[in-house]
């Protein structure tokens, strides 16, 4: 039993740290596919048509970014606020871009300040304050965060907020 405990703890830590979200940026779009048609005539006068597909390949990791959110729940009491950081992991081709953040699915009485922060090019995170007003609804909530670069689809992720009135 003592030998099993370290593996159980390691599994819990790995599970708690798995908050990948979906990547954004131009590399998050599937590569385009183009079709081309080739017609040839054989020696016996027959026409043969061959359809081929060419796929534009790009190194998707270089053209994407992901959002790094807290892996553990942010616990608040009504009237309390806590600072967290929303990180951005950029591919090499995304280094020069600002990433604007928006938050949704906020429960009644909970806000994020600033409401629409930006992770500037050259920076890797934006500090934000999670604020629970005095009338915040108690409970466990999942807040969604979306990051928008200058092109491509947005990156998304989510984190947990818990409001306890005790």
C-alpha atoms as a PDB file:
ATOM      1  CA  UNK A   1       0.000   0.000   0.000  1.00  0.00           C
ATOM      2  CA  UNK A   2       2.854   2.405   0.826  1.00  0.00           C
ATOM      3  CA  UNK A   3       4.304   1.794  -2.636  1.00  0.00           C
ATOM      4  CA  UNK A   4       1.015   2.726  -4.305  1.00  0.00           C
ATOM      5  CA  UNK A   5       0.665   6.098  -2.536  1.00  0.00           C
ATOM      6  CA  UNK A   6       3.413   7.972  -4.484  1.00  0.00           C
ATOM      7  CA  UNK A   7       1.866   6.871  -7.776  1.00  0.00           C
ATOM      8  CA  UNK A   8      -1.602   7.949  -6.665  1.00  0.00           C
ATOM      9  CA  UNK A   9      -0.284  11.388  -5.623  1.00  0.00           C
ATOM     10  CA  UNK A  10       1.637  11.767  -8.913  1.00  0.00           C
ATOM     11  CA  UNK A  11      -1.494  10.834 -10.886  1.00  0.00           C
ATOM     12  CA  UNK A  12      -3.533  13.419  -8.973  1.00  0.00           C
ATOM     13  CA  UNK A  13      -0.941  16.147  -9.628  1.00  0.00           C
ATOM     14  CA  UNK A  14      -0.814  15.294 -13.328  1.00  0.00           C
ATOM     15  CA  UNK A  15      -4.611  15.292 -13.584  1.00  0.00           C
ATOM     16  CA  UNK A  16      -4.842  18.630 -11.744  1.00  0.00           C
ATOM     17  CA  UNK A  17      -2.269  20.164 -14.071  1.00  0.00           C
ATOM     18  CA  UNK A  18      -3.987  19.111 -17.286  1.00  0.00           C
ATOM     19  CA  UNK A  19      -5.798  22.231 -18.390  1.00  0.00           C
ATOM     20  CA  UNK A  20      -4.887  22.414 -22.057  1.00  0.00           C
ATOM     21  CA  UNK A  21      -7.780  24.301 -23.639  1.00  0.00           C
ATOM     22  CA  UNK A  22      -7.874  24.741 -27.408  1.00  0.00           C
ATOM     23  CA  UNK A  23      -5.092  26.459 -29.378  1.00  0.00           C
ATOM     24  CA  UNK A  24      -5.636  29.638 -31.376  1.00  0.00           C
ATOM     25  CA  UNK A  25      -3.850  31.517 -34.124  1.00  0.00           C
ATOM     26  CA  UNK A  26      -3.465  30.880 -37.843  1.00  0.00           C
ATOM     27  CA  UNK A  27      -1.832  27.468 -37.282  1.00  0.00           C
ATOM     28  CA  UNK A  28      -4.968  26.248 -35.504  1.00  0.00           C
ATOM     29  CA  UNK A  29      -6.795  26.266 -38.837  1.00  0.00           C
ATOM     30  CA  UNK A  30      -6.486  23.005 -40.789  1.00  0.00           C
ATOM     31  CA  UNK A  31      -4.148  23.324 -43.787  1.00  0.00           C
ATOM     32  CA  UNK A  32      -5.879  24.082 -47.093  1.00  0.00           C
ATOM     33  CA  UNK A  33      -6.309  21.298 -49.611  1.00  0.00           C
ATOM     34  CA  UNK A  34      -6.173  21.963 -53.335  1.00  0.00           C
ATOM     35  CA  UNK A  35      -7.176  19.550 -56.080  1.00  0.00           C
ATOM     36  CA  UNK A  36      -5.550  19.403 -59.467  1.00  0.00           C
ATOM     37  CA  UNK A  37      -6.424  17.339 -62.518  1.00  0.00           C
ATOM     38  CA  UNK A  38      -3.921  15.882 -65.018  1.00  0.00           C
ATOM     39  CA  UNK A  39      -5.073  14.527 -68.402  1.00  0.00           C
ATOM     40  CA  UNK A  40      -2.756  12.362 -70.476  1.00  0.00           C
ATOM     41  CA  UNK A  41      -3.157  10.399 -73.715  1.00  0.00           C
ATOM     42  CA  UNK A  42      -1.783   6.868 -73.852  1.00  0.00           C
ATOM     43  CA  UNK A  43      -0.110   5.277 -76.936  1.00  0.00           C
ATOM     44  CA  UNK A  44      -3.327   3.522 -77.937  1.00  0.00           C
ATOM     45  CA  UNK A  45      -5.237   6.851 -78.075  1.00  0.00           C
ATOM     46  CA  UNK A  46      -7.042   6.438 -74.748  1.00  0.00           C
ATOM     47  CA  UNK A  47      -7.384   9.467 -72.493  1.00  0.00           C
ATOM     48  CA  UNK A  48      -6.501   8.987 -68.879  1.00  0.00           C
ATOM     49  CA  UNK A  49      -7.453  11.526 -66.182  1.00  0.00           C
ATOM     50  CA  UNK A  50      -5.708  11.514 -62.848  1.00  0.00           C
ATOM     51  CA  UNK A  51      -6.892  13.600 -59.892  1.00  0.00           C
ATOM     52  CA  UNK A  52      -4.310  14.453 -57.289  1.00  0.00           C
ATOM     53  CA  UNK A  53      -4.536  16.391 -54.050  1.00  0.00           C
ATOM     54  CA  UNK A  54      -1.848  18.684 -52.779  1.00  0.00           C
ATOM     55  CA  UNK A  55      -1.952  19.791 -49.174  1.00  0.00           C
ATOM     56  CA  UNK A  56      -0.247  22.932 -47.967  1.00  0.00           C
ATOM     57  CA  UNK A  57       1.720  21.913 -44.907  1.00  0.00           C
ATOM     58  CA  UNK A  58       2.677  24.407 -42.274  1.00  0.00           C
ATOM     59  CA  UNK A  59       4.296  23.896 -38.904  1.00  0.00           C
ATOM     60  CA  UNK A  60       1.153  24.414 -36.839  1.00  0.00           C
ATOM     61  CA  UNK A  61       2.971  24.705 -33.498  1.00  0.00           C
ATOM     62  CA  UNK A  62       4.900  27.752 -34.711  1.00  0.00           C
ATOM     63  CA  UNK A  63       1.664  29.487 -35.769  1.00  0.00           C
ATOM     64  CA  UNK A  64      -0.425  28.851 -32.633  1.00  0.00           C
ATOM     65  CA  UNK A  65      -0.763  29.929 -29.037  1.00  0.00           C
ATOM     66  CA  UNK A  66      -2.473  28.452 -25.982  1.00  0.00           C
ATOM     67  CA  UNK A  67      -3.795  29.993 -22.777  1.00  0.00           C
ATOM     68  CA  UNK A  68      -2.385  28.879 -19.436  1.00  0.00           C
ATOM     69  CA  UNK A  69      -4.900  29.272 -16.603  1.00  0.00           C
ATOM     70  CA  UNK A  70      -4.753  28.400 -12.885  1.00  0.00           C
ATOM     71  CA  UNK A  71      -4.786  24.632 -12.400  1.00  0.00           C
ATOM     72  CA  UNK A  72      -6.399  24.856  -8.982  1.00  0.00           C
ATOM     73  CA  UNK A  73      -9.680  26.406  -7.958  1.00  0.00           C
ATOM     74  CA  UNK A  74      -9.661  30.071  -6.944  1.00  0.00           C
ATOM     75  CA  UNK A  75     -11.518  30.250  -3.601  1.00  0.00           C
ATOM     76  CA  UNK A  76     -13.214  33.509  -2.615  1.00  0.00           C
ATOM     77  CA  UNK A  77     -15.574  34.786   0.029  1.00  0.00           C
ATOM     78  CA  UNK A  78     -18.135  37.498  -0.798  1.00  0.00           C
ATOM     79  CA  UNK A  79     -16.375  40.868  -0.643  1.00  0.00           C
ATOM     80  CA  UNK A  80     -12.944  39.319  -1.337  1.00  0.00           C
ATOM     81  CA  UNK A  81     -10.675  39.483  -4.386  1.00  0.00           C
ATOM     82  CA  UNK A  82      -7.646  37.479  -5.511  1.00  0.00           C
ATOM     83  CA  UNK A  83      -5.073  38.020  -8.217  1.00  0.00           C
ATOM     84  CA  UNK A  84      -4.404  35.276 -10.755  1.00  0.00           C
ATOM     85  CA  UNK A  85      -2.392  35.209 -13.970  1.00  0.00           C
ATOM     86  CA  UNK A  86      -3.539  34.163 -17.426  1.00  0.00           C
ATOM     87  CA  UNK A  87      -0.489  32.999 -19.353  1.00  0.00           C
ATOM     88  CA  UNK A  88       0.097  32.727 -23.081  1.00  0.00           C
ATOM     89  CA  UNK A  89       2.342  30.047 -24.564  1.00  0.00           C
ATOM     90  CA  UNK A  90       3.244  31.261 -28.070  1.00  0.00           C
ATOM     91  CA  UNK A  91       4.735  29.401 -31.000  1.00  0.00           C
ATOM     92  CA  UNK A  92       7.780  31.018 -32.635  1.00  0.00           C
ATOM     93  CA  UNK A  93       5.691  32.750 -35.333  1.00  0.00           C
ATOM     94  CA  UNK A  94       3.321  34.225 -32.711  1.00  0.00           C
ATOM     95  CA  UNK A  95       5.982  36.052 -30.643  1.00  0.00           C
ATOM     96  CA  UNK A  96       5.280  39.506 -32.099  1.00  0.00           C
ATOM     97  CA  UNK A  97       1.528  39.511 -31.505  1.00  0.00           C
ATOM     98  CA  UNK A  98      -0.581  40.933 -28.701  1.00  0.00           C
ATOM     99  CA  UNK A  99      -3.248  38.542 -27.383  1.00  0.00           C
ATOM    100  CA  UNK A 100      -6.462  40.158 -26.124  1.00  0.00           C
ATOM    101  CA  UNK A 101      -8.425  38.275 -23.458  1.00  0.00           C
ATOM    102  CA  UNK A 102     -12.156  38.124 -22.755  1.00  0.00           C
ATOM    103  CA  UNK A 103     -13.968  36.282 -19.961  1.00  0.00           C
ATOM    104  CA  UNK A 104     -17.409  34.691 -20.048  1.00  0.00           C
ATOM    105  CA  UNK A 105     -19.674  32.508 -17.950  1.00  0.00           C
ATOM    106  CA  UNK A 106     -19.048  34.717 -14.899  1.00  0.00           C
ATOM    107  CA  UNK A 107     -21.569  34.054 -12.117  1.00  0.00           C
ATOM    108  CA  UNK A 108     -23.619  36.837 -10.549  1.00  0.00           C
ATOM    109  CA  UNK A 109     -21.480  39.065  -8.338  1.00  0.00           C
ATOM    110  CA  UNK A 110     -18.133  37.935  -9.819  1.00  0.00           C
ATOM    111  CA  UNK A 111     -16.057  40.137 -12.122  1.00  0.00           C
ATOM    112  CA  UNK A 112     -12.588  40.184 -13.652  1.00  0.00           C
ATOM    113  CA  UNK A 113     -10.513  43.367 -13.534  1.00  0.00           C
ATOM    114  CA  UNK A 114      -9.445  44.553 -15.970  1.00  0.00           C
ATOM    115  CA  UNK A 115     -12.367  43.115 -17.931  1.00  0.00           C
ATOM    116  CA  UNK A 116     -10.435  42.827 -21.216  1.00  0.00           C
ATOM    117  CA  UNK A 117      -6.693  42.608 -20.520  1.00  0.00           C
ATOM    118  CA  UNK A 118      -4.037  42.170 -23.193  1.00  0.00           C
ATOM    119  CA  UNK A 119      -0.932  40.007 -23.051  1.00  0.00           C
ATOM    120  CA  UNK A 120       1.482  42.235 -24.945  1.00  0.00           C
ATOM    121  CA  UNK A 121       4.019  40.895 -27.445  1.00  0.00           C
ATOM    122  CA  UNK A 122       7.133  39.896 -25.504  1.00  0.00           C
ATOM    123  CA  UNK A 123       5.156  39.206 -22.312  1.00  0.00           C
ATOM    124  CA  UNK A 124       3.953  35.789 -21.231  1.00  0.00           C
ATOM    125  CA  UNK A 125       1.058  36.574 -18.876  1.00  0.00           C
ATOM    126  CA  UNK A 126      -1.535  39.103 -17.799  1.00  0.00           C
ATOM    127  CA  UNK A 127      -2.341  39.530 -14.109  1.00  0.00           C
ATOM    128  CA  UNK A 128      -6.068  39.852 -13.426  1.00  0.00           C
ATOM    129  CA  UNK A 129      -8.076  40.306 -10.259  1.00  0.00           C
ATOM    130  CA  UNK A 130     -11.053  38.015  -9.607  1.00  0.00           C
ATOM    131  CA  UNK A 131     -13.502  40.095  -7.558  1.00  0.00           C
ATOM    132  CA  UNK A 132     -16.415  38.712  -5.545  1.00  0.00           C
ATOM    133  CA  UNK A 133     -18.826  41.481  -4.559  1.00  0.00           C
ATOM    134  CA  UNK A 134     -20.666  41.219  -1.252  1.00  0.00           C
ATOM    135  CA  UNK A 135     -23.710  39.809  -3.081  1.00  0.00           C
ATOM    136  CA  UNK A 136     -21.737  37.124  -4.977  1.00  0.00           C
ATOM    137  CA  UNK A 137     -23.661  33.896  -5.464  1.00  0.00           C
ATOM    138  CA  UNK A 138     -22.110  31.036  -3.439  1.00  0.00           C
ATOM    139  CA  UNK A 139     -21.107  27.938  -5.383  1.00  0.00           C
ATOM    140  CA  UNK A 140     -18.551  26.394  -7.714  1.00  0.00           C
ATOM    141  CA  UNK A 141     -18.253  27.912 -11.186  1.00  0.00           C
ATOM    142  CA  UNK A 142     -16.300  27.435 -14.406  1.00  0.00           C
ATOM    143  CA  UNK A 143     -15.114  30.675 -16.000  1.00  0.00           C
ATOM    144  CA  UNK A 144     -14.203  30.633 -19.671  1.00  0.00           C
ATOM    145  CA  UNK A 145     -11.373  32.719 -21.106  1.00  0.00           C
ATOM    146  CA  UNK A 146     -10.803  33.417 -24.785  1.00  0.00           C
ATOM    147  CA  UNK A 147      -7.630  34.803 -26.330  1.00  0.00           C
ATOM    148  CA  UNK A 148      -7.617  36.533 -29.711  1.00  0.00           C
ATOM    149  CA  UNK A 149      -4.480  37.124 -31.767  1.00  0.00           C
ATOM    150  CA  UNK A 150      -4.346  39.219 -34.910  1.00  0.00           C
ATOM    151  CA  UNK A 151      -5.350  36.280 -37.147  1.00  0.00           C
ATOM    152  CA  UNK A 152      -6.751  32.781 -36.931  1.00  0.00           C
ATOM    153  CA  UNK A 153      -9.305  31.372 -34.526  1.00  0.00           C
ATOM    154  CA  UNK A 154      -9.243  32.254 -30.809  1.00  0.00           C
ATOM    155  CA  UNK A 155      -7.644  30.064 -28.150  1.00  0.00           C
ATOM    156  CA  UNK A 156      -9.914  29.032 -25.275  1.00  0.00           C
ATOM    157  CA  UNK A 157      -9.526  27.605 -21.811  1.00  0.00           C
ATOM    158  CA  UNK A 158     -11.382  27.572 -18.511  1.00  0.00           C
ATOM    159  CA  UNK A 159     -10.683  27.753 -14.796  1.00  0.00           C
ATOM    160  CA  UNK A 160     -12.644  27.142 -11.603  1.00  0.00           C
ATOM    161  CA  UNK A 161     -13.859  29.748  -9.115  1.00  0.00           C
ATOM    162  CA  UNK A 162     -15.494  28.849  -5.839  1.00  0.00           C
ATOM    163  CA  UNK A 163     -17.452  31.311  -3.702  1.00  0.00           C
ATOM    164  CA  UNK A 164     -18.022  30.257  -0.094  1.00  0.00           C
ATOM    165  CA  UNK A 165     -19.970  32.444   2.319  1.00  0.00           C
ATOM    166  CA  UNK A 166     -18.290  30.948   5.398  1.00  0.00           C
END
